[in-house]
Amino acid sequence: MSIKISPGLRKLYAEKVLELANIGAGATLFSQFLTEKGFSWLSTFVGFGIIIVGYVVSYLLYPKRLKL
């Protein structure tokens, strides 16, 4: 089953996924400095993982040819 989405809507979804990835990674990385716990490499890698997955999903969603 395939869902047809217009290129403009795909572009919007791609941009919003990218924004969510940036917010999620930023919250994960910068929250380490607001807590009393020490620096955590696990949280750092999770933050980078969030942003990498977000960028890949955004790239896959972005329409190949967008005619305006």
Protein backbone atom coordinates (compact mmCIF):
# COMPACT_ATOMS: atom_id res chain seq x y z
CA MET A 1 0.00 0.00 0.00
CA SER A 2 1.47 3.30 -1.08
CA ILE A 3 0.38 6.72 0.13
CA LYS A 4 0.63 9.60 -2.34
CA ILE A 5 1.77 12.87 -0.77
CA SER A 6 2.24 16.09 -2.69
CA PRO A 7 5.84 17.37 -3.05
CA GLY A 8 5.00 20.50 -1.06
CA LEU A 9 3.72 18.44 1.87
CA ARG A 10 6.76 16.14 1.70
CA LYS A 11 9.01 19.21 1.87
CA LEU A 12 7.09 20.49 4.91
CA TYR A 13 7.39 17.11 6.67
CA ALA A 14 11.11 16.95 5.87
CA GLU A 15 11.69 20.40 7.35
CA LYS A 16 9.69 19.63 10.49
CA VAL A 17 11.49 16.31 11.08
CA LEU A 18 14.79 18.17 10.78
CA GLU A 19 13.64 20.77 13.31
CA LEU A 20 12.48 18.07 15.72
CA ALA A 21 15.83 16.30 15.42
CA ASN A 22 17.69 19.52 16.20
CA ILE A 23 15.48 20.25 19.21
CA GLY A 24 15.76 16.67 20.51
CA ALA A 25 19.51 16.54 20.14
CA GLY A 26 19.94 19.99 21.66
CA ALA A 27 17.79 19.10 24.63
CA THR A 28 19.66 15.84 25.16
CA LEU A 29 23.12 17.38 24.87
CA PHE A 30 22.60 20.65 26.73
CA SER A 31 20.55 19.13 29.55
CA GLN A 32 23.74 17.45 30.74
CA PHE A 33 25.13 20.82 31.75
CA LEU A 34 22.00 21.80 33.70
CA THR A 35 21.95 18.76 35.97
CA GLU A 36 24.19 18.02 38.92
CA LYS A 37 25.36 14.77 37.39
CA GLY A 38 28.64 14.59 35.56
CA PHE A 39 29.16 14.52 31.82
CA SER A 40 27.70 11.40 30.21
CA TRP A 41 29.09 9.96 27.00
CA LEU A 42 25.96 7.86 26.61
CA SER A 43 23.77 10.97 26.53
CA THR A 44 26.16 12.56 24.04
CA PHE A 45 25.95 9.58 21.69
CA VAL A 46 22.17 9.44 22.07
CA GLY A 47 21.99 13.13 21.11
CA PHE A 48 24.17 12.59 18.07
CA GLY A 49 22.12 9.51 17.16
CA ILE A 50 18.91 11.54 17.30
CA ILE A 51 20.30 14.17 14.98
CA ILE A 52 21.74 11.63 12.51
CA VAL A 53 18.46 9.71 12.33
CA GLY A 54 16.54 12.98 11.93
CA TYR A 55 18.78 14.13 9.10
CA VAL A 56 18.48 10.78 7.29
CA VAL A 57 14.68 10.72 7.62
CA SER A 58 14.50 14.34 6.49
CA TYR A 59 16.65 13.55 3.45
CA LEU A 60 14.47 10.58 2.55
CA LEU A 61 11.28 12.64 2.89
CA TYR A 62 12.53 15.61 0.88
CA PRO A 63 11.05 15.47 -2.63
CA LYS A 64 13.54 14.81 -5.42
CA ARG A 65 12.07 17.46 -7.73
CA LEU A 66 10.02 20.29 -6.33
CA LYS A 67 8.25 22.51 -8.84
CA LEU A 68 6.90 25.75 -7.45
